[in-house]
PDB file of N, CA and C in Angstrom:
ATOM      1  N   MET A   1     -20.088 -15.937 -26.648  1.00  0.00           N
ATOM      2  CA  MET A   1     -18.839 -15.156 -26.857  1.00  0.00           C
ATOM      3  C   MET A   1     -19.248 -13.685 -26.650  1.00  0.00           C
ATOM      4  N   LEU A   2     -20.378 -12.995 -27.192  1.00  0.00           N
ATOM      5  CA  LEU A   2     -20.737 -12.014 -26.823  1.00  0.00           C
ATOM      6  C   LEU A   2     -21.027 -11.560 -25.417  1.00  0.00           C
ATOM      7  N   VAL A   3     -21.547 -12.497 -24.786  1.00  0.00           N
ATOM      8  CA  VAL A   3     -21.847 -12.503 -23.399  1.00  0.00           C
ATOM      9  C   VAL A   3     -20.639 -12.250 -22.629  1.00  0.00           C
ATOM     10  N   LYS A   4     -19.687 -13.016 -22.955  1.00  0.00           N
ATOM     11  CA  LYS A   4     -18.342 -13.115 -22.263  1.00  0.00           C
ATOM     12  C   LYS A   4     -17.597 -11.589 -22.336  1.00  0.00           C
ATOM     13  N   ARG A   5     -17.874 -11.115 -23.584  1.00  0.00           N
ATOM     14  CA  ARG A   5     -17.177  -9.756 -23.791  1.00  0.00           C
ATOM     15  C   ARG A   5     -17.847  -8.794 -22.989  1.00  0.00           C
ATOM     16  N   ALA A   6     -19.051  -8.738 -22.881  1.00  0.00           N
ATOM     17  CA  ALA A   6     -19.922  -7.932 -22.135  1.00  0.00           C
ATOM     18  C   ALA A   6     -19.634  -7.966 -20.655  1.00  0.00           C
ATOM     19  N   GLN A   7     -19.525  -9.032 -20.098  1.00  0.00           N
ATOM     20  CA  GLN A   7     -19.167  -9.531 -18.836  1.00  0.00           C
ATOM     21  C   GLN A   7     -17.804  -8.712 -18.446  1.00  0.00           C
ATOM     22  N   ALA A   8     -17.006  -9.019 -19.398  1.00  0.00           N
ATOM     23  CA  ALA A   8     -15.541  -8.531 -19.175  1.00  0.00           C
ATOM     24  C   ALA A   8     -15.402  -6.974 -19.226  1.00  0.00           C
ATOM     25  N   ALA A   9     -16.162  -6.282 -20.036  1.00  0.00           N
ATOM     26  CA  ALA A   9     -16.451  -4.899 -20.090  1.00  0.00           C
ATOM     27  C   ALA A   9     -16.941  -4.521 -18.844  1.00  0.00           C
ATOM     28  N   VAL A  10     -17.922  -5.229 -18.276  1.00  0.00           N
ATOM     29  CA  VAL A  10     -18.579  -4.570 -17.176  1.00  0.00           C
ATOM     30  C   VAL A  10     -17.500  -4.738 -15.855  1.00  0.00           C
ATOM     31  N   ILE A  11     -16.758  -5.669 -15.781  1.00  0.00           N
ATOM     32  CA  ILE A  11     -15.741  -5.777 -14.787  1.00  0.00           C
ATOM     33  C   ILE A  11     -14.766  -4.591 -14.968  1.00  0.00           C
ATOM     34  N   ARG A  12     -14.433  -4.576 -16.246  1.00  0.00           N
ATOM     35  CA  ARG A  12     -13.203  -3.390 -16.667  1.00  0.00           C
ATOM     36  C   ARG A  12     -13.686  -2.076 -16.115  1.00  0.00           C
ATOM     37  N   ASP A  13     -15.048  -1.804 -16.367  1.00  0.00           N
ATOM     38  CA  ASP A  13     -15.601  -0.446 -16.125  1.00  0.00           C
ATOM     39  C   ASP A  13     -15.798  -0.255 -14.552  1.00  0.00           C
ATOM     40  N   ARG A  14     -16.127  -1.433 -13.957  1.00  0.00           N
ATOM     41  CA  ARG A  14     -16.181  -1.200 -12.387  1.00  0.00           C
ATOM     42  C   ARG A  14     -14.966  -1.002 -11.905  1.00  0.00           C
ATOM     43  N   SER A  15     -13.789  -1.776 -12.210  1.00  0.00           N
ATOM     44  CA  SER A  15     -12.564  -1.613 -11.587  1.00  0.00           C
ATOM     45  C   SER A  15     -12.037  -0.338 -12.079  1.00  0.00           C
ATOM     46  N   ARG A  16     -12.246   0.315 -13.178  1.00  0.00           N
ATOM     47  CA  ARG A  16     -11.919   1.726 -13.407  1.00  0.00           C
ATOM     48  C   ARG A  16     -12.533   2.566 -12.607  1.00  0.00           C
ATOM     49  N   ASN A  17     -13.685   2.476 -12.437  1.00  0.00           N
ATOM     50  CA  ASN A  17     -14.613   3.483 -11.841  1.00  0.00           C
ATOM     51  C   ASN A  17     -14.120   3.599 -10.331  1.00  0.00           C
ATOM     52  N   LEU A  18     -13.756   2.281  -9.833  1.00  0.00           N
ATOM     53  CA  LEU A  18     -13.497   2.380  -8.456  1.00  0.00           C
ATOM     54  C   LEU A  18     -12.110   2.941  -8.241  1.00  0.00           C
ATOM     55  N   LEU A  19     -11.269   2.771  -8.983  1.00  0.00           N
ATOM     56  CA  LEU A  19      -9.574   3.463  -9.132  1.00  0.00           C
ATOM     57  C   LEU A  19      -9.948   5.007  -9.313  1.00  0.00           C
ATOM     58  N   ARG A  20     -10.963   5.374 -10.101  1.00  0.00           N
ATOM     59  CA  ARG A  20     -11.303   6.755 -10.439  1.00  0.00           C
ATOM     60  C   ARG A  20     -11.936   7.452  -9.116  1.00  0.00           C
ATOM     61  N   SER A  21     -12.611   6.523  -8.451  1.00  0.00           N
ATOM     62  CA  SER A  21     -13.369   7.147  -7.122  1.00  0.00           C
ATOM     63  C   SER A  21     -12.410   7.178  -6.036  1.00  0.00           C
ATOM     64  N   ALA A  22     -11.200   6.230  -5.971  1.00  0.00           N
ATOM     65  CA  ALA A  22     -10.231   6.470  -5.129  1.00  0.00           C
ATOM     66  C   ALA A  22      -9.351   7.780  -5.326  1.00  0.00           C
ATOM     67  N   ASP A  23      -8.928   7.931  -6.614  1.00  0.00           N
ATOM     68  CA  ASP A  23      -8.199   9.252  -7.006  1.00  0.00           C
ATOM     69  C   ASP A  23      -8.964  10.445  -6.622  1.00  0.00           C
ATOM     70  N   MET A  24     -10.191  10.481  -6.827  1.00  0.00           N
ATOM     71  CA  MET A  24     -11.053  11.684  -6.478  1.00  0.00           C
ATOM     72  C   MET A  24     -10.984  11.730  -4.921  1.00  0.00           C
ATOM     73  N   VAL A  25     -11.235  10.861  -4.096  1.00  0.00           N
ATOM     74  CA  VAL A  25     -11.096  10.820  -2.846  1.00  0.00           C
ATOM     75  C   VAL A  25      -9.760  11.450  -2.241  1.00  0.00           C
ATOM     76  N   ILE A  26      -8.678  10.975  -2.933  1.00  0.00           N
ATOM     77  CA  ILE A  26      -7.548  11.467  -2.606  1.00  0.00           C
ATOM     78  C   ILE A  26      -7.262  12.770  -2.991  1.00  0.00           C
ATOM     79  N   ALA A  27      -7.648  13.246  -3.970  1.00  0.00           N
ATOM     80  CA  ALA A  27      -7.479  14.686  -4.444  1.00  0.00           C
ATOM     81  C   ALA A  27      -8.224  15.479  -3.476  1.00  0.00           C
ATOM     82  N   GLU A  28      -9.312  15.153  -3.060  1.00  0.00           N
ATOM     83  CA  GLU A  28     -10.270  15.945  -2.374  1.00  0.00           C
ATOM     84  C   GLU A  28      -9.848  16.104  -0.954  1.00  0.00           C
ATOM     85  N   ALA A  29      -9.135  14.895  -0.540  1.00  0.00           N
ATOM     86  CA  ALA A  29      -8.655  15.048   0.876  1.00  0.00           C
ATOM     87  C   ALA A  29      -7.540  15.896   0.813  1.00  0.00           C
ATOM     88  N   ARG A  30      -6.777  16.030  -0.230  1.00  0.00           N
ATOM     89  CA  ARG A  30      -5.571  16.851  -0.225  1.00  0.00           C
ATOM     90  C   ARG A  30      -5.973  18.297  -0.202  1.00  0.00           C
ATOM     91  N   ARG A  31      -6.831  18.661  -1.080  1.00  0.00           N
ATOM     92  CA  ARG A  31      -7.186  19.994  -1.088  1.00  0.00           C
ATOM     93  C   ARG A  31      -7.973  20.505   0.291  1.00  0.00           C
ATOM     94  N   ARG A  32      -8.511  19.578   1.073  1.00  0.00           N
ATOM     95  CA  ARG A  32      -9.267  20.106   2.209  1.00  0.00           C
ATOM     96  C   ARG A  32      -8.183  20.109   3.210  1.00  0.00           C
ATOM     97  N   ALA A  33      -7.049  19.374   3.374  1.00  0.00           N
ATOM     98  CA  ALA A  33      -6.083  19.609   4.545  1.00  0.00           C
ATOM     99  C   ALA A  33      -5.501  20.575   4.543  1.00  0.00           C
ATOM    100  N   ALA A  34      -5.434  21.103   6.074  1.00  0.00           N
ATOM    101  CA  ALA A  34      -4.751  22.371   6.214  1.00  0.00           C
ATOM    102  C   ALA A  34      -3.187  22.051   6.104  1.00  0.00           C
ATOM    103  N   SER A  35      -2.618  23.144   5.787  1.00  0.00           N
ATOM    104  CA  SER A  35      -1.030  23.024   5.622  1.00  0.00           C
ATOM    105  C   SER A  35      -0.505  22.554   6.835  1.00  0.00           C
ATOM    106  N   GLY A  36       0.420  21.413   6.600  1.00  0.00           N
ATOM    107  CA  GLY A  36       0.981  20.533   7.900  1.00  0.00           C
ATOM    108  C   GLY A  36       0.207  19.499   8.558  1.00  0.00           C
ATOM    109  N   GLU A  37      -0.953  19.522   7.952  1.00  0.00           N
ATOM    110  CA  GLU A  37      -1.965  18.522   8.466  1.00  0.00           C
ATOM    111  C   GLU A  37      -1.999  17.154   7.796  1.00  0.00           C
ATOM    112  N   PRO A  38      -1.867  16.012   8.359  1.00  0.00           N
ATOM    113  CA  PRO A  38      -2.131  14.903   7.463  1.00  0.00           C
ATOM    114  C   PRO A  38      -3.246  14.696   6.803  1.00  0.00           C
ATOM    115  N   VAL A  39      -3.196  14.351   5.630  1.00  0.00           N
ATOM    116  CA  VAL A  39      -4.334  13.868   4.600  1.00  0.00           C
ATOM    117  C   VAL A  39      -5.116  12.595   5.062  1.00  0.00           C
ATOM    118  N   ILE A  40      -6.518  12.571   5.333  1.00  0.00           N
ATOM    119  CA  ILE A  40      -6.827  11.266   5.752  1.00  0.00           C
ATOM    120  C   ILE A  40      -7.854  10.968   4.693  1.00  0.00           C
ATOM    121  N   VAL A  41      -7.596   9.665   4.252  1.00  0.00           N
ATOM    122  CA  VAL A  41      -8.397   8.923   2.984  1.00  0.00           C
ATOM    123  C   VAL A  41      -8.907   7.909   3.560  1.00  0.00           C
ATOM    124  N   THR A  42     -10.222   7.643   3.417  1.00  0.00           N
ATOM    125  CA  THR A  42     -10.956   6.448   4.174  1.00  0.00           C
ATOM    126  C   THR A  42     -11.666   5.670   3.053  1.00  0.00           C
ATOM    127  N   VAL A  43     -11.417   4.294   3.294  1.00  0.00           N
ATOM    128  CA  VAL A  43     -12.311   3.352   2.470  1.00  0.00           C
ATOM    129  C   VAL A  43     -13.833   3.698   2.264  1.00  0.00           C
ATOM    130  N   GLY A  44     -14.531   4.179   3.431  1.00  0.00           N
ATOM    131  CA  GLY A  44     -15.608   4.660   3.262  1.00  0.00           C
ATOM    132  C   GLY A  44     -16.116   5.796   2.290  1.00  0.00           C
ATOM    133  N   ALA A  45     -15.045   6.713   2.154  1.00  0.00           N
ATOM    134  CA  ALA A  45     -15.163   7.907   1.248  1.00  0.00           C
ATOM    135  C   ALA A  45     -14.974   7.214  -0.023  1.00  0.00           C
ATOM    136  N   VAL A  46     -14.191   6.277  -0.393  1.00  0.00           N
ATOM    137  CA  VAL A  46     -14.166   5.475  -1.726  1.00  0.00           C
ATOM    138  C   VAL A  46     -15.772   4.746  -2.147  1.00  0.00           C
ATOM    139  N   THR A  47     -16.180   4.219  -1.070  1.00  0.00           N
ATOM    140  CA  THR A  47     -17.316   3.568  -1.477  1.00  0.00           C
ATOM    141  C   THR A  47     -18.398   4.536  -1.613  1.00  0.00           C
ATOM    142  N   GLY A  48     -18.454   5.893  -0.868  1.00  0.00           N
ATOM    143  CA  GLY A  48     -19.398   6.723  -1.139  1.00  0.00           C
ATOM    144  C   GLY A  48     -19.254   7.184  -2.498  1.00  0.00           C
ATOM    145  N   ALA A  49     -17.897   7.633  -2.922  1.00  0.00           N
ATOM    146  CA  ALA A  49     -17.772   8.616  -4.292  1.00  0.00           C
ATOM    147  C   ALA A  49     -18.281   7.399  -5.428  1.00  0.00           C
ATOM    148  N   ALA A  50     -17.915   6.284  -5.263  1.00  0.00           N
ATOM    149  CA  ALA A  50     -18.428   5.302  -6.060  1.00  0.00           C
ATOM    150  C   ALA A  50     -19.757   5.200  -6.442  1.00  0.00           C
ATOM    151  N   CYS A  51     -20.418   5.146  -5.210  1.00  0.00           N
ATOM    152  CA  CYS A  51     -21.854   5.116  -5.269  1.00  0.00           C
ATOM    153  C   CYS A  51     -22.571   6.535  -6.036  1.00  0.00           C
ATOM    154  N   GLN A  52     -22.029   7.745  -5.482  1.00  0.00           N
ATOM    155  CA  GLN A  52     -22.343   8.867  -5.778  1.00  0.00           C
ATOM    156  C   GLN A  52     -22.305   9.278  -7.262  1.00  0.00           C
ATOM    157  N   HIS A  53     -21.040   8.964  -7.745  1.00  0.00           N
ATOM    158  CA  HIS A  53     -20.587   9.349  -8.908  1.00  0.00           C
ATOM    159  C   HIS A  53     -20.827   8.257 -10.331  1.00  0.00           C
ATOM    160  N   TYR A  54     -20.788   6.970 -10.028  1.00  0.00           N
ATOM    161  CA  TYR A  54     -21.036   5.626 -10.834  1.00  0.00           C
ATOM    162  C   TYR A  54     -22.126   4.847 -10.589  1.00  0.00           C
ATOM    163  N   GLY A  55     -22.656   5.062  -9.325  1.00  0.00           N
ATOM    164  CA  GLY A  55     -23.935   4.152  -8.913  1.00  0.00           C
ATOM    165  C   GLY A  55     -23.426   2.964  -8.838  1.00  0.00           C
ATOM    166  N   LEU A  56     -22.141   2.647  -8.278  1.00  0.00           N
ATOM    167  CA  LEU A  56     -21.695   1.631  -7.808  1.00  0.00           C
ATOM    168  C   LEU A  56     -21.672   1.186  -6.384  1.00  0.00           C
ATOM    169  N   PHE A  57     -22.071  -0.156  -6.041  1.00  0.00           N
ATOM    170  CA  PHE A  57     -22.232  -0.491  -4.484  1.00  0.00           C
ATOM    171  C   PHE A  57     -20.823  -1.469  -4.333  1.00  0.00           C
ATOM    172  N   ALA A  58     -19.928  -1.001  -3.849  1.00  0.00           N
ATOM    173  CA  ALA A  58     -18.790  -1.580  -3.750  1.00  0.00           C
ATOM    174  C   ALA A  58     -18.682  -2.386  -2.254  1.00  0.00           C
ATOM    175  N   GLU A  59     -17.941  -3.426  -2.147  1.00  0.00           N
ATOM    176  CA  GLU A  59     -17.610  -3.923  -0.732  1.00  0.00           C
ATOM    177  C   GLU A  59     -16.529  -3.336  -0.232  1.00  0.00           C
ATOM    178  N   ARG A  60     -16.479  -3.323   0.963  1.00  0.00           N
ATOM    179  CA  ARG A  60     -15.403  -2.589   1.654  1.00  0.00           C
ATOM    180  C   ARG A  60     -13.949  -3.082   1.154  1.00  0.00           C
ATOM    181  N   GLU A  61     -13.881  -4.518   1.267  1.00  0.00           N
ATOM    182  CA  GLU A  61     -12.571  -4.846   0.591  1.00  0.00           C
ATOM    183  C   GLU A  61     -12.197  -4.683  -0.734  1.00  0.00           C
ATOM    184  N   GLU A  62     -13.265  -4.489  -1.543  1.00  0.00           N
ATOM    185  CA  GLU A  62     -13.181  -3.945  -2.927  1.00  0.00           C
ATOM    186  C   GLU A  62     -12.591  -2.634  -3.149  1.00  0.00           C
ATOM    187  N   ALA A  63     -13.154  -1.848  -2.309  1.00  0.00           N
ATOM    188  CA  ALA A  63     -13.014  -0.472  -2.218  1.00  0.00           C
ATOM    189  C   ALA A  63     -11.223  -0.250  -1.490  1.00  0.00           C
ATOM    190  N   ALA A  64     -11.164  -0.844  -0.570  1.00  0.00           N
ATOM    191  CA  ALA A  64      -9.911  -0.868  -0.063  1.00  0.00           C
ATOM    192  C   ALA A  64      -8.752  -1.137  -0.859  1.00  0.00           C
ATOM    193  N   ALA A  65      -8.894  -2.249  -1.702  1.00  0.00           N
ATOM    194  CA  ALA A  65      -7.929  -2.666  -2.667  1.00  0.00           C
ATOM    195  C   ALA A  65      -7.748  -1.753  -3.755  1.00  0.00           C
ATOM    196  N   ALA A  66      -8.803  -1.071  -4.147  1.00  0.00           N
ATOM    197  CA  ALA A  66      -8.748   0.119  -5.294  1.00  0.00           C
ATOM    198  C   ALA A  66      -7.781   1.393  -4.356  1.00  0.00           C
ATOM    199  N   LEU A  67      -8.103   1.656  -3.367  1.00  0.00           N
ATOM    200  CA  LEU A  67      -7.531   2.744  -2.642  1.00  0.00           C
ATOM    201  C   LEU A  67      -5.932   2.490  -2.182  1.00  0.00           C
ATOM    202  N   ARG A  68      -5.782   1.093  -2.014  1.00  0.00           N
ATOM    203  CA  ARG A  68      -4.425   0.783  -1.658  1.00  0.00           C
ATOM    204  C   ARG A  68      -3.403   0.901  -3.141  1.00  0.00           C
ATOM    205  N   GLN A  69      -4.109   0.501  -4.413  1.00  0.00           N
ATOM    206  CA  GLN A  69      -3.532   0.613  -5.447  1.00  0.00           C
ATOM    207  C   GLN A  69      -3.225   2.188  -5.904  1.00  0.00           C
ATOM    208  N   ARG A  70      -4.263   3.012  -5.526  1.00  0.00           N
ATOM    209  CA  ARG A  70      -4.063   4.364  -5.941  1.00  0.00           C
ATOM    210  C   ARG A  70      -3.369   5.243  -4.962  1.00  0.00           C
ATOM    211  N   TYR A  71      -3.337   4.801  -3.664  1.00  0.00           N
ATOM    212  CA  TYR A  71      -2.484   5.470  -2.528  1.00  0.00           C
ATOM    213  C   TYR A  71      -1.055   5.032  -3.076  1.00  0.00           C
ATOM    214  N   GLU A  72      -0.580   3.876  -3.536  1.00  0.00           N
ATOM    215  CA  GLU A  72       0.997   3.809  -3.856  1.00  0.00           C
ATOM    216  C   GLU A  72       1.133   4.725  -4.965  1.00  0.00           C
ATOM    217  N   VAL A  73       0.448   4.629  -6.103  1.00  0.00           N
ATOM    218  CA  VAL A  73       0.603   5.409  -7.267  1.00  0.00           C
ATOM    219  C   VAL A  73       0.584   6.934  -6.935  1.00  0.00           C
ATOM    220  N   ALA A  74       0.009   7.400  -6.073  1.00  0.00           N
ATOM    221  CA  ALA A  74      -0.093   8.806  -5.779  1.00  0.00           C
ATOM    222  C   ALA A  74       0.872   9.189  -4.800  1.00  0.00           C
ATOM    223  N   ASP A  75       1.829   8.424  -4.369  1.00  0.00           N
ATOM    224  CA  ASP A  75       2.926   8.834  -3.203  1.00  0.00           C
ATOM    225  C   ASP A  75       2.173   9.277  -1.865  1.00  0.00           C
ATOM    226  N   CYS A  76       1.101   8.372  -1.574  1.00  0.00           N
ATOM    227  CA  CYS A  76       0.289   9.089  -0.558  1.00  0.00           C
ATOM    228  C   CYS A  76       1.028   8.857   0.801  1.00  0.00           C
ATOM    229  N   ARG A  77       1.984   7.928   0.826  1.00  0.00           N
ATOM    230  CA  ARG A  77       2.908   7.530   2.221  1.00  0.00           C
ATOM    231  C   ARG A  77       3.501   8.890   2.487  1.00  0.00           C
ATOM    232  N   LEU A  78       3.956   9.606   1.739  1.00  0.00           N
ATOM    233  CA  LEU A  78       4.446  11.114   2.166  1.00  0.00           C
ATOM    234  C   LEU A  78       3.557  11.949   3.023  1.00  0.00           C
ATOM    235  N   ASP A  79       2.299  11.772   2.860  1.00  0.00           N
ATOM    236  CA  ASP A  79       1.371  12.941   3.527  1.00  0.00           C
ATOM    237  C   ASP A  79      -0.114  12.447   3.689  1.00  0.00           C
ATOM    238  N   CYS A  80      -0.471  11.245   3.491  1.00  0.00           N
ATOM    239  CA  CYS A  80      -1.571  10.694   3.822  1.00  0.00           C
ATOM    240  C   CYS A  80      -1.866   9.570   5.024  1.00  0.00           C
ATOM    241  N   MET A  81      -2.894   9.284   5.382  1.00  0.00           N
ATOM    242  CA  MET A  81      -3.152   8.290   6.371  1.00  0.00           C
ATOM    243  C   MET A  81      -4.395   7.726   5.928  1.00  0.00           C
ATOM    244  N   THR A  82      -4.495   6.241   5.814  1.00  0.00           N
ATOM    245  CA  THR A  82      -5.784   5.641   5.464  1.00  0.00           C
ATOM    246  C   THR A  82      -6.147   4.475   6.332  1.00  0.00           C
ATOM    247  N   ASP A  83      -7.201   4.113   6.529  1.00  0.00           N
ATOM    248  CA  ASP A  83      -7.588   2.698   7.001  1.00  0.00           C
ATOM    249  C   ASP A  83      -7.614   1.645   5.837  1.00  0.00           C
ATOM    250  N   ALA A  84      -7.154   1.669   4.843  1.00  0.00           N
ATOM    251  CA  ALA A  84      -7.322   0.675   3.586  1.00  0.00           C
ATOM    252  C   ALA A  84      -6.199  -0.321   3.853  1.00  0.00           C
ATOM    253  N   PHE A  85      -5.385  -0.420   4.738  1.00  0.00           N
ATOM    254  CA  PHE A  85      -4.467  -1.256   4.907  1.00  0.00           C
ATOM    255  C   PHE A  85      -5.047  -2.179   6.234  1.00  0.00           C
ATOM    256  N   SER A  86      -5.885  -1.756   7.051  1.00  0.00           N
ATOM    257  CA  SER A  86      -6.497  -2.511   8.402  1.00  0.00           C
ATOM    258  C   SER A  86      -7.352  -3.381   8.013  1.00  0.00           C
TER     259      SER A  86
END
């Protein structure tokens, strides 16, 4: 029972940290974009942020799923472009 709880906690932390990484990448891309310029947010940036900030090594599809989720929440369709849907 304890092992299952520990595994579940690891999965939750990993998922949460991937979502946080996507949020960080979106926010940073928005800060860096010039006025009137599209904001470009990449899956590679999410995997890089996850590794740098949380020591996570995420597969592309896992990072893309997190980015797609946060992309929708942050209304990125209005001002962002991403490779997370390809």
